[in-house]
């Protein structure tokens, strides 16, 4: 799972300089966050049946994770994934810094447990 999350992160870094790739950047950011959260929860022997519960558990049990952010990115990604709603540059910029920060924090927490 870590290797797959790293592929998402590497793809984000490769695509960032290119304009007009906001849908895939958003999706890759979400996928990386989701996978890293799953890995972290494995250490607690927790498996969530849906993403909302996964992020709720993460935010409740680990300090410094913002539920509002995770809920915003989850619902926006679901709109894209299930209803064809596109992501604008503003949508991407709104989450890009925080997503990068949380990806880094999740990785730190995971490697502390390894």
C-alpha atoms as a PDB file:
ATOM      1  CA  UNK A   1       0.000   0.000   0.000  1.00  0.00           C
ATOM      2  CA  UNK A   2       2.874   2.356   0.743  1.00  0.00           C
ATOM      3  CA  UNK A   3       4.368   1.696  -2.688  1.00  0.00           C
ATOM      4  CA  UNK A   4       1.046   2.486  -4.367  1.00  0.00           C
ATOM      5  CA  UNK A   5       0.645   5.677  -2.320  1.00  0.00           C
ATOM      6  CA  UNK A   6       4.181   6.663  -3.325  1.00  0.00           C
ATOM      7  CA  UNK A   7       3.270   6.165  -6.988  1.00  0.00           C
ATOM      8  CA  UNK A   8       0.370   8.575  -6.511  1.00  0.00           C
ATOM      9  CA  UNK A   9       2.675  11.088  -4.798  1.00  0.00           C
ATOM     10  CA  UNK A  10       5.314  10.785  -7.541  1.00  0.00           C
ATOM     11  CA  UNK A  11       2.647  11.266 -10.218  1.00  0.00           C
ATOM     12  CA  UNK A  12       1.382  14.385  -8.426  1.00  0.00           C
ATOM     13  CA  UNK A  13       4.899  15.831  -8.423  1.00  0.00           C
ATOM     14  CA  UNK A  14       5.325  15.060 -12.122  1.00  0.00           C
ATOM     15  CA  UNK A  15       1.945  16.516 -13.106  1.00  0.00           C
ATOM     16  CA  UNK A  16       1.936  19.645 -10.930  1.00  0.00           C
ATOM     17  CA  UNK A  17       3.838  21.858 -13.364  1.00  0.00           C
ATOM     18  CA  UNK A  18       1.440  20.985 -16.195  1.00  0.00           C
ATOM     19  CA  UNK A  19      -1.639  23.126 -16.563  1.00  0.00           C
ATOM     20  CA  UNK A  20      -5.146  21.747 -16.799  1.00  0.00           C
ATOM     21  CA  UNK A  21      -4.559  18.492 -14.918  1.00  0.00           C
ATOM     22  CA  UNK A  22      -6.629  19.399 -11.870  1.00  0.00           C
ATOM     23  CA  UNK A  23      -9.014  16.426 -11.950  1.00  0.00           C
ATOM     24  CA  UNK A  24      -6.225  13.866 -11.852  1.00  0.00           C
ATOM     25  CA  UNK A  25      -4.160  15.868  -9.336  1.00  0.00           C
ATOM     26  CA  UNK A  26      -7.160  16.016  -7.026  1.00  0.00           C
ATOM     27  CA  UNK A  27      -7.901  12.317  -7.431  1.00  0.00           C
ATOM     28  CA  UNK A  28      -4.279  11.295  -6.907  1.00  0.00           C
ATOM     29  CA  UNK A  29      -4.069  13.459  -3.782  1.00  0.00           C
ATOM     30  CA  UNK A  30      -7.205  11.876  -2.407  1.00  0.00           C
ATOM     31  CA  UNK A  31      -6.018   8.374  -3.261  1.00  0.00           C
ATOM     32  CA  UNK A  32      -2.664   8.952  -1.553  1.00  0.00           C
ATOM     33  CA  UNK A  33      -4.375  10.304   1.577  1.00  0.00           C
ATOM     34  CA  UNK A  34      -6.830   7.423   1.615  1.00  0.00           C
ATOM     35  CA  UNK A  35      -4.161   4.738   1.244  1.00  0.00           C
ATOM     36  CA  UNK A  36      -1.857   6.263   3.823  1.00  0.00           C
ATOM     37  CA  UNK A  37      -4.729   6.578   6.301  1.00  0.00           C
ATOM     38  CA  UNK A  38      -5.563   2.906   5.690  1.00  0.00           C
ATOM     39  CA  UNK A  39      -1.949   1.911   6.387  1.00  0.00           C
ATOM     40  CA  UNK A  40      -1.847   3.926   9.595  1.00  0.00           C
ATOM     41  CA  UNK A  41      -5.059   2.348  10.843  1.00  0.00           C
ATOM     42  CA  UNK A  42      -3.723  -1.142  10.160  1.00  0.00           C
ATOM     43  CA  UNK A  43      -1.369  -0.567  13.100  1.00  0.00           C
ATOM     44  CA  UNK A  44      -4.477  -0.112  15.264  1.00  0.00           C
ATOM     45  CA  UNK A  45      -6.075  -3.226  13.763  1.00  0.00           C
ATOM     46  CA  UNK A  46      -8.854  -1.078  12.348  1.00  0.00           C
ATOM     47  CA  UNK A  47     -10.415  -1.626   8.940  1.00  0.00           C
ATOM     48  CA  UNK A  48     -13.104   0.739   7.770  1.00  0.00           C
ATOM     49  CA  UNK A  49     -15.840  -0.220   5.366  1.00  0.00           C
ATOM     50  CA  UNK A  50     -16.027   3.303   3.920  1.00  0.00           C
ATOM     51  CA  UNK A  51     -13.875   6.369   3.516  1.00  0.00           C
ATOM     52  CA  UNK A  52     -15.971   8.632   5.732  1.00  0.00           C
ATOM     53  CA  UNK A  53     -15.512   6.329   8.727  1.00  0.00           C
ATOM     54  CA  UNK A  54     -11.826   5.894   7.910  1.00  0.00           C
ATOM     55  CA  UNK A  55     -11.187   9.629   8.022  1.00  0.00           C
ATOM     56  CA  UNK A  56     -13.429  10.086  11.068  1.00  0.00           C
ATOM     57  CA  UNK A  57     -11.382   7.480  12.947  1.00  0.00           C
ATOM     58  CA  UNK A  58      -8.152   9.130  11.835  1.00  0.00           C
ATOM     59  CA  UNK A  59      -9.231  12.597  12.955  1.00  0.00           C
ATOM     60  CA  UNK A  60     -10.679  11.357  16.248  1.00  0.00           C
ATOM     61  CA  UNK A  61      -7.709   9.213  17.248  1.00  0.00           C
ATOM     62  CA  UNK A  62      -4.773  11.229  15.920  1.00  0.00           C
ATOM     63  CA  UNK A  63      -4.162  14.863  16.818  1.00  0.00           C
ATOM     64  CA  UNK A  64      -3.649  17.459  14.144  1.00  0.00           C
ATOM     65  CA  UNK A  65      -5.900  16.042  11.420  1.00  0.00           C
ATOM     66  CA  UNK A  66      -8.750  18.311  10.337  1.00  0.00           C
ATOM     67  CA  UNK A  67     -12.101  16.586   9.826  1.00  0.00           C
ATOM     68  CA  UNK A  68     -13.441  19.502   7.766  1.00  0.00           C
ATOM     69  CA  UNK A  69     -10.581  19.137   5.285  1.00  0.00           C
ATOM     70  CA  UNK A  70     -10.989  15.377   4.921  1.00  0.00           C
ATOM     71  CA  UNK A  71     -14.751  15.666   4.523  1.00  0.00           C
ATOM     72  CA  UNK A  72     -14.375  18.437   1.919  1.00  0.00           C
ATOM     73  CA  UNK A  73     -11.862  16.509  -0.175  1.00  0.00           C
ATOM     74  CA  UNK A  74     -13.903  13.297   0.153  1.00  0.00           C
ATOM     75  CA  UNK A  75     -17.196  14.842  -0.967  1.00  0.00           C
ATOM     76  CA  UNK A  76     -15.555  16.760  -3.834  1.00  0.00           C
ATOM     77  CA  UNK A  77     -13.775  13.585  -4.995  1.00  0.00           C
ATOM     78  CA  UNK A  78     -17.072  11.663  -4.797  1.00  0.00           C
ATOM     79  CA  UNK A  79     -18.737  14.335  -6.923  1.00  0.00           C
ATOM     80  CA  UNK A  80     -16.021  13.876  -9.506  1.00  0.00           C
ATOM     81  CA  UNK A  81     -15.929  10.078  -9.266  1.00  0.00           C
ATOM     82  CA  UNK A  82     -19.656   9.338  -9.233  1.00  0.00           C
ATOM     83  CA  UNK A  83     -21.355  12.364 -10.791  1.00  0.00           C
ATOM     84  CA  UNK A  84     -18.847  13.688 -13.310  1.00  0.00           C
ATOM     85  CA  UNK A  85     -18.307  17.009 -11.527  1.00  0.00           C
ATOM     86  CA  UNK A  86     -15.072  18.579 -12.688  1.00  0.00           C
ATOM     87  CA  UNK A  87     -12.332  20.069 -10.563  1.00  0.00           C
ATOM     88  CA  UNK A  88     -11.284  23.650 -11.207  1.00  0.00           C
ATOM     89  CA  UNK A  89      -7.926  25.277 -10.601  1.00  0.00           C
ATOM     90  CA  UNK A  90      -9.446  26.956  -7.525  1.00  0.00           C
ATOM     91  CA  UNK A  91     -10.631  23.568  -6.176  1.00  0.00           C
ATOM     92  CA  UNK A  92      -7.142  22.154  -6.599  1.00  0.00           C
ATOM     93  CA  UNK A  93      -5.366  25.160  -5.060  1.00  0.00           C
ATOM     94  CA  UNK A  94      -7.788  25.065  -2.121  1.00  0.00           C
ATOM     95  CA  UNK A  95      -6.590  21.603  -1.050  1.00  0.00           C
ATOM     96  CA  UNK A  96      -3.128  21.183  -2.567  1.00  0.00           C
ATOM     97  CA  UNK A  97      -1.034  22.610   0.287  1.00  0.00           C
ATOM     98  CA  UNK A  98      -3.044  20.904   3.021  1.00  0.00           C
ATOM     99  CA  UNK A  99      -3.074  17.590   1.117  1.00  0.00           C
ATOM    100  CA  UNK A 100       0.698  17.728   0.751  1.00  0.00           C
ATOM    101  CA  UNK A 101       1.039  18.497   4.464  1.00  0.00           C
ATOM    102  CA  UNK A 102      -1.236  15.614   5.526  1.00  0.00           C
ATOM    103  CA  UNK A 103       0.479  13.179   3.161  1.00  0.00           C
ATOM    104  CA  UNK A 104       3.756  14.086   4.831  1.00  0.00           C
ATOM    105  CA  UNK A 105       2.278  13.779   8.339  1.00  0.00           C
ATOM    106  CA  UNK A 106       0.663  10.420   7.588  1.00  0.00           C
ATOM    107  CA  UNK A 107       3.965   9.082   6.272  1.00  0.00           C
ATOM    108  CA  UNK A 108       5.780  10.318   9.386  1.00  0.00           C
ATOM    109  CA  UNK A 109       3.227   8.598  11.632  1.00  0.00           C
ATOM    110  CA  UNK A 110       3.487   5.380   9.636  1.00  0.00           C
ATOM    111  CA  UNK A 111       7.298   5.282   9.707  1.00  0.00           C
ATOM    112  CA  UNK A 112       7.282   5.921  13.460  1.00  0.00           C
ATOM    113  CA  UNK A 113       5.290   2.706  13.830  1.00  0.00           C
ATOM    114  CA  UNK A 114       7.437   0.585  11.518  1.00  0.00           C
END
